[in-house]
N, C-alpha and C. Protein backbone atom coordinates (compact mmCIF):
# COMPACT_ATOMS: atom_id res chain seq x y z
N MET A 1 -5.48 -9.49 5.56
CA MET A 1 -5.44 -9.08 5.91
C MET A 1 -5.76 -7.93 7.46
N ARG A 2 -4.89 -7.20 8.11
CA ARG A 2 -5.49 -6.20 9.70
C ARG A 2 -5.86 -5.62 8.96
N ARG A 3 -7.16 -5.49 9.71
CA ARG A 3 -8.07 -3.99 8.85
C ARG A 3 -8.08 -2.92 9.97
N ASP A 4 -7.84 -3.13 11.25
CA ASP A 4 -7.54 -1.75 12.64
C ASP A 4 -6.34 -1.28 12.38
N LEU A 5 -5.42 -1.32 11.30
CA LEU A 5 -3.89 -0.12 10.90
C LEU A 5 -4.57 0.36 9.61
N ASN A 6 -5.58 1.24 9.10
CA ASN A 6 -5.24 0.87 7.84
C ASN A 6 -4.41 2.07 7.31
N PRO A 7 -3.13 2.10 6.59
CA PRO A 7 -2.43 2.53 5.60
C PRO A 7 -2.79 4.14 5.41
N LEU A 8 -1.71 4.80 5.00
CA LEU A 8 -1.67 6.25 4.48
C LEU A 8 -1.75 5.09 2.76
N CYS A 9 -2.30 6.55 2.36
CA CYS A 9 -1.52 6.37 1.08
C CYS A 9 -0.64 7.47 0.37
N ASP A 10 0.09 6.31 0.12
CA ASP A 10 1.40 7.39 -0.45
C ASP A 10 1.64 8.14 -0.99
N ARG A 11 0.63 8.55 -2.02
CA ARG A 11 0.33 9.84 -2.54
C ARG A 11 0.83 11.18 -1.95
N HIS A 12 -0.90 10.96 -0.88
CA HIS A 12 -1.22 12.22 0.10
C HIS A 12 -2.08 11.92 1.51
N LEU A 13 -0.68 11.03 1.88
CA LEU A 13 -0.57 10.77 2.65
C LEU A 13 -2.15 11.05 4.12
N LYS A 14 -3.24 10.43 3.36
CA LYS A 14 -4.84 10.38 4.44
C LYS A 14 -4.95 9.22 4.75
N PRO A 15 -5.39 9.02 5.21
CA PRO A 15 -5.57 6.79 5.32
C PRO A 15 -6.85 6.65 4.66
N MET A 16 -6.53 5.17 3.82
CA MET A 16 -7.01 4.90 2.95
C MET A 16 -8.61 3.73 3.07
N ARG A 17 -8.83 3.70 2.78
CA ARG A 17 -10.42 2.41 3.00
C ARG A 17 -10.71 1.05 2.33
N PRO A 18 -11.02 -0.02 3.23
CA PRO A 18 -10.26 -0.97 3.21
C PRO A 18 -12.10 -1.23 1.51
N ASP A 19 -10.93 -2.52 0.57
CA ASP A 19 -12.05 -1.98 -0.74
C ASP A 19 -11.48 -3.42 -1.24
N VAL A 20 -11.92 -3.52 -2.60
CA VAL A 20 -11.64 -5.41 -2.70
C VAL A 20 -11.78 -5.29 -4.44
N VAL A 21 -10.43 -5.03 -4.56
CA VAL A 21 -10.18 -4.91 -6.32
C VAL A 21 -9.82 -6.06 -7.39
N TYR A 22 -10.80 -6.05 -8.57
CA TYR A 22 -10.19 -7.10 -9.76
C TYR A 22 -9.76 -6.46 -10.02
N MET A 23 -8.25 -7.97 -10.18
CA MET A 23 -6.81 -7.57 -10.66
C MET A 23 -6.80 -8.72 -11.89
N VAL A 24 -6.34 -7.96 -13.06
CA VAL A 24 -5.67 -8.51 -14.62
C VAL A 24 -4.25 -8.72 -14.52
N VAL A 25 -3.30 -9.38 -13.99
CA VAL A 25 -2.61 -9.86 -13.69
C VAL A 25 -2.00 -10.67 -14.77
N PRO A 26 -0.62 -10.08 -15.43
CA PRO A 26 0.08 -10.91 -16.48
C PRO A 26 0.62 -12.23 -16.77
N GLY A 27 -0.02 -12.74 -17.15
CA GLY A 27 0.64 -14.50 -16.91
C GLY A 27 -0.54 -15.01 -15.68
N LYS A 28 -0.71 -14.36 -14.68
CA LYS A 28 -1.71 -14.79 -13.88
C LYS A 28 -3.85 -14.66 -13.66
N GLY A 29 -3.51 -14.09 -15.00
CA GLY A 29 -4.86 -14.22 -14.73
C GLY A 29 -5.78 -13.21 -14.03
N PRO A 30 -7.14 -13.55 -13.96
CA PRO A 30 -7.93 -12.09 -13.20
C PRO A 30 -8.48 -13.38 -11.80
N TYR A 31 -8.40 -11.78 -10.56
CA TYR A 31 -8.73 -13.19 -9.33
C TYR A 31 -9.01 -11.54 -9.08
N TRP A 32 -9.95 -11.67 -7.65
CA TRP A 32 -9.93 -10.09 -7.27
C TRP A 32 -9.07 -10.53 -4.89
N ALA A 33 -9.11 -9.14 -4.91
CA ALA A 33 -7.75 -8.47 -3.81
C ALA A 33 -8.48 -7.88 -3.51
N GLU A 34 -7.62 -8.18 -2.09
CA GLU A 34 -8.53 -7.19 -0.87
C GLU A 34 -7.20 -6.11 -0.77
N SER A 35 -7.22 -5.29 -0.50
CA SER A 35 -6.70 -3.82 -1.21
C SER A 35 -7.18 -2.63 -0.02
N TYR A 36 -6.54 -1.62 -0.47
CA TYR A 36 -7.05 -0.51 0.49
C TYR A 36 -7.01 0.28 -0.38
N ALA A 37 -7.85 1.78 0.04
CA ALA A 37 -7.92 2.41 -2.01
C ALA A 37 -7.81 3.89 -1.50
N CYS A 38 -6.69 5.17 -1.98
CA CYS A 38 -7.56 6.05 -1.32
C CYS A 38 -8.55 7.11 -1.95
N LYS A 39 -8.92 7.64 -0.44
CA LYS A 39 -10.57 8.36 -0.68
C LYS A 39 -10.10 9.33 -1.18
N GLU A 40 -9.33 10.12 -1.82
CA GLU A 40 -8.83 11.07 -2.40
C GLU A 40 -9.92 11.36 -3.58
N PRO A 41 -10.44 11.65 -3.95
CA PRO A 41 -11.75 12.42 -5.37
C PRO A 41 -10.24 12.01 -6.77
N GLY A 42 -10.44 10.64 -7.89
CA GLY A 42 -9.51 11.33 -8.69
C GLY A 42 -8.21 10.15 -8.76
N CYS A 43 -8.10 10.03 -7.02
CA CYS A 43 -6.30 9.35 -6.77
C CYS A 43 -7.13 7.83 -7.42
N SER A 44 -6.63 7.01 -8.02
CA SER A 44 -6.66 5.44 -8.24
C SER A 44 -5.36 4.67 -7.37
N ARG A 45 -4.90 4.95 -6.51
CA ARG A 45 -4.08 4.53 -6.03
C ARG A 45 -4.20 2.72 -4.78
N LEU A 46 -3.48 2.83 -5.07
CA LEU A 46 -4.05 1.13 -3.78
C LEU A 46 -3.46 0.39 -3.35
N TYR A 47 -2.87 0.19 -2.22
CA TYR A 47 -2.26 -0.82 -1.48
C TYR A 47 -2.66 -2.21 -1.00
N ALA A 48 -2.32 -3.69 -1.38
CA ALA A 48 -2.48 -4.54 -0.99
C ALA A 48 -0.97 -5.41 -0.52
N VAL A 49 -1.16 -6.01 0.81
CA VAL A 49 -0.22 -6.73 0.88
C VAL A 49 1.08 -7.87 0.13
N LYS A 50 0.03 -8.19 -0.55
CA LYS A 50 0.95 -9.11 -2.10
C LYS A 50 1.28 -8.48 -2.90
N HIS A 51 1.31 -6.49 -2.63
CA HIS A 51 1.79 -6.02 -4.82
C HIS A 51 2.21 -4.30 -3.93
N GLY A 52 1.91 -4.58 -2.78
CA GLY A 52 2.59 -3.15 -2.55
C GLY A 52 1.77 -1.89 -2.91
N TYR A 53 2.32 -0.81 -3.17
CA TYR A 53 1.58 0.01 -3.71
C TYR A 53 1.26 0.11 -5.24
N PHE A 54 -0.14 0.32 -6.12
CA PHE A 54 -0.09 0.55 -6.94
C PHE A 54 -0.46 1.85 -7.79
N THR A 55 -0.57 1.73 -8.74
CA THR A 55 -2.43 2.25 -9.73
C THR A 55 -3.02 1.48 -10.33
N HIS A 56 -4.38 1.89 -10.32
CA HIS A 56 -5.17 0.74 -11.11
C HIS A 56 -6.42 1.06 -11.95
N ASN A 57 -6.80 1.04 -12.36
CA ASN A 57 -8.62 1.54 -13.47
C ASN A 57 -8.44 0.19 -14.56
N LYS A 58 -9.94 0.89 -14.99
CA LYS A 58 -10.34 -0.19 -15.38
C LYS A 58 -9.70 -1.71 -15.29
N SER A 59 -9.73 -2.03 -13.74
CA SER A 59 -8.99 -3.67 -14.13
C SER A 59 -7.65 -4.03 -14.32
N ASN A 60 -6.98 -3.10 -14.83
CA ASN A 60 -5.33 -3.13 -15.06
C ASN A 60 -4.81 -2.14 -14.14
N TYR A 61 -3.75 -3.00 -13.60
CA TYR A 61 -2.51 -2.40 -13.12
C TYR A 61 -1.66 -1.47 -13.50
N HIS A 62 -0.28 -0.68 -13.10
CA HIS A 62 0.96 0.33 -13.62
C HIS A 62 2.05 -0.43 -12.92
N PRO A 63 2.11 -1.49 -13.23
CA PRO A 63 4.02 -1.66 -12.79
C PRO A 63 4.41 -0.89 -12.82
N GLU A 64 4.69 0.04 -13.70
CA GLU A 64 5.86 1.06 -13.30
C GLU A 64 5.46 2.01 -12.60
N GLU A 65 4.25 2.13 -11.70
CA GLU A 65 4.18 3.39 -10.12
C GLU A 65 3.87 2.32 -9.43
N MET A 66 4.08 1.46 -9.46
CA MET A 66 4.04 0.07 -8.63
C MET A 66 5.35 0.64 -7.53
N ARG A 67 5.67 0.58 -5.81
CA ARG A 67 6.02 1.57 -5.18
C ARG A 67 5.82 -0.19 -3.73
N GLN A 68 7.36 -0.61 -4.03
CA GLN A 68 6.73 -2.00 -2.90
C GLN A 68 8.24 -2.03 -1.91
N HIS A 69 8.23 -2.25 -0.53
CA HIS A 69 8.88 -2.36 0.40
C HIS A 69 8.81 -3.38 1.02
N PRO A 70 9.44 -4.62 0.99
CA PRO A 70 9.32 -5.53 0.97
C PRO A 70 9.18 -5.96 2.67
N CYS A 71 8.38 -7.03 3.57
CA CYS A 71 8.81 -7.26 5.23
C CYS A 71 9.98 -8.12 4.67
N PRO A 72 10.50 -8.14 6.03
CA PRO A 72 12.21 -8.84 6.27
C PRO A 72 12.00 -9.84 6.89
N GLU A 73 10.66 -9.93 7.41
CA GLU A 73 9.63 -11.38 8.06
C GLU A 73 9.11 -12.13 7.78
N HIS A 74 8.54 -11.37 6.60
CA HIS A 74 7.38 -11.55 5.66
C HIS A 74 8.39 -12.73 4.37
N ALA A 75 7.77 -13.92 3.53
CA ALA A 75 8.32 -13.37 2.21
C ALA A 75 7.09 -13.08 2.09
N GLY A 76 7.04 -12.69 0.60
CA GLY A 76 5.86 -12.23 -0.40
C GLY A 76 5.12 -11.02 0.41
N LYS A 77 5.21 -10.83 1.64
CA LYS A 77 3.96 -9.62 1.31
C LYS A 77 4.80 -8.03 1.63
N PHE A 78 4.11 -6.90 1.53
CA PHE A 78 5.06 -5.43 1.16
C PHE A 78 4.49 -4.87 2.43
N LEU A 79 5.33 -3.95 3.40
CA LEU A 79 5.16 -3.32 4.04
C LEU A 79 4.35 -1.23 4.08
N SER A 80 3.36 -1.46 4.95
CA SER A 80 2.57 -0.32 4.55
C SER A 80 3.22 1.17 5.24
N LEU A 81 2.44 2.29 4.85
CA LEU A 81 2.79 3.97 4.48
C LEU A 81 1.47 3.75 5.87
N ARG A 82 2.15 3.62 7.72
CA ARG A 82 1.17 4.45 8.23
C ARG A 82 1.86 5.71 9.52
N GLN A 83 1.25 5.98 9.92
CA GLN A 83 0.82 7.64 10.52
C GLN A 83 1.59 7.25 12.11
N GLU A 84 2.17 7.60 12.62
CA GLU A 84 2.67 6.60 14.09
C GLU A 84 3.19 7.91 14.81
N GLY A 85 2.48 8.65 15.90
CA GLY A 85 3.28 9.77 17.07
C GLY A 85 4.10 11.13 16.31
N GLY A 86 3.24 11.91 14.69
CA GLY A 86 4.10 12.43 13.84
C GLY A 86 4.49 12.43 12.90
N VAL A 87 4.83 10.67 12.95
CA VAL A 87 5.89 10.50 11.43
C VAL A 87 5.70 9.71 10.72
N GLN A 88 5.21 9.60 9.42
CA GLN A 88 4.90 8.28 8.52
C GLN A 88 6.09 7.32 9.06
N VAL A 89 5.78 5.70 8.86
CA VAL A 89 6.71 4.89 9.06
C VAL A 89 6.16 3.54 8.48
N TRP A 90 7.27 2.71 8.07
CA TRP A 90 6.21 2.01 7.46
C TRP A 90 6.40 0.78 8.13
N THR A 91 5.66 -0.36 8.07
CA THR A 91 4.72 -0.79 9.19
C THR A 91 4.50 -2.57 8.49
N CYS A 92 4.71 -3.27 9.03
CA CYS A 92 3.99 -4.93 7.60
C CYS A 92 2.84 -4.86 8.77
N ASP A 93 2.14 -5.90 7.71
CA ASP A 93 0.63 -5.91 8.47
C ASP A 93 0.01 -6.89 8.78
N GLU A 94 1.32 -8.24 8.79
CA GLU A 94 0.84 -9.14 9.73
C GLU A 94 1.38 -8.98 11.24
N GLU A 95 -0.26 -9.95 12.00
CA GLU A 95 -0.65 -9.48 13.31
C GLU A 95 0.59 -9.52 14.37
N GLY A 96 1.53 -9.63 15.13
CA GLY A 96 2.38 -9.61 15.42
C GLY A 96 3.63 -9.54 15.74
N CYS A 97 3.44 -8.81 14.39
CA CYS A 97 5.47 -8.37 13.11
C CYS A 97 6.11 -7.61 14.14
N LYS A 98 7.13 -7.89 14.74
CA LYS A 98 7.62 -6.37 15.50
C LYS A 98 9.26 -6.01 14.93
N GLY A 99 9.62 -5.05 15.07
CA GLY A 99 11.29 -4.69 14.54
C GLY A 99 10.62 -4.38 13.02
N VAL A 100 9.94 -4.29 12.64
CA VAL A 100 10.29 -3.48 11.23
C VAL A 100 10.03 -2.21 10.72
N ALA A 101 8.32 -1.96 11.90
CA ALA A 101 8.48 -0.11 11.96
C ALA A 101 9.28 0.50 11.91
N GLN A 102 9.17 1.39 10.63
CA GLN A 102 11.18 2.19 9.86
C GLN A 102 10.80 3.24 9.80
N PRO A 103 11.27 4.78 10.58
CA PRO A 103 10.74 5.58 9.43
C PRO A 103 10.36 6.05 8.33
N SER A 104 9.81 6.58 7.74
CA SER A 104 10.07 6.79 6.00
C SER A 104 11.60 7.96 5.76
N THR A 105 11.84 7.61 5.31
CA THR A 105 13.72 8.45 4.66
C THR A 105 13.45 9.63 3.97
N GLU A 106 12.03 9.45 3.33
CA GLU A 106 11.78 10.36 2.27
C GLU A 106 10.48 11.82 2.79
N PRO A 107 10.70 12.81 2.78
CA PRO A 107 9.88 13.64 3.14
C PRO A 107 9.00 13.91 2.25
N ALA A 108 8.05 13.83 3.21
CA ALA A 108 6.16 13.79 2.90
C ALA A 108 6.23 14.54 1.46
N SER A 109 6.89 15.31 0.98
CA SER A 109 7.07 16.25 0.17
C SER A 109 6.95 16.03 -0.79
N GLU A 110 7.92 15.21 -0.92
CA GLU A 110 8.43 13.58 -1.85
C GLU A 110 7.42 12.22 -2.04
N LEU A 111 7.08 11.85 -0.85
CA LEU A 111 5.66 10.88 -0.85
C LEU A 111 4.28 12.28 -1.18
N ALA A 112 4.67 12.96 -1.35
CA ALA A 112 3.04 14.28 -1.96
C ALA A 112 3.16 13.80 -3.69
N ALA A 113 4.15 14.00 -4.10
CA ALA A 113 4.72 13.68 -5.49
C ALA A 113 4.33 12.54 -6.44
N ARG A 114 4.92 11.53 -6.08
CA ARG A 114 4.78 10.37 -6.90
C ARG A 114 3.89 10.44 -7.32
């Protein structure tokens, strides 16, 4: 996972910090996953390339709150929300991936309300 392109929290639209999270996924068992965590107090939103955005607490994730935008170039990877030139865009974390940066079609107020 690239560390030079920190994603934005899909709720607060603020930069997230690199993190590692302990995941317990039904049918897969427990494992550690590289992720990004929201810095806002009380926010439990995370982003991971293999999961997209999700809410996580006490090693459990909540699939009903997942938000995934698949990368059309890299199977099994999800796009993250970033700020580029004053606009929120969905981009791939894969080094050298081009053409997948797309402006978010959702207004910032709707993104923050999720």
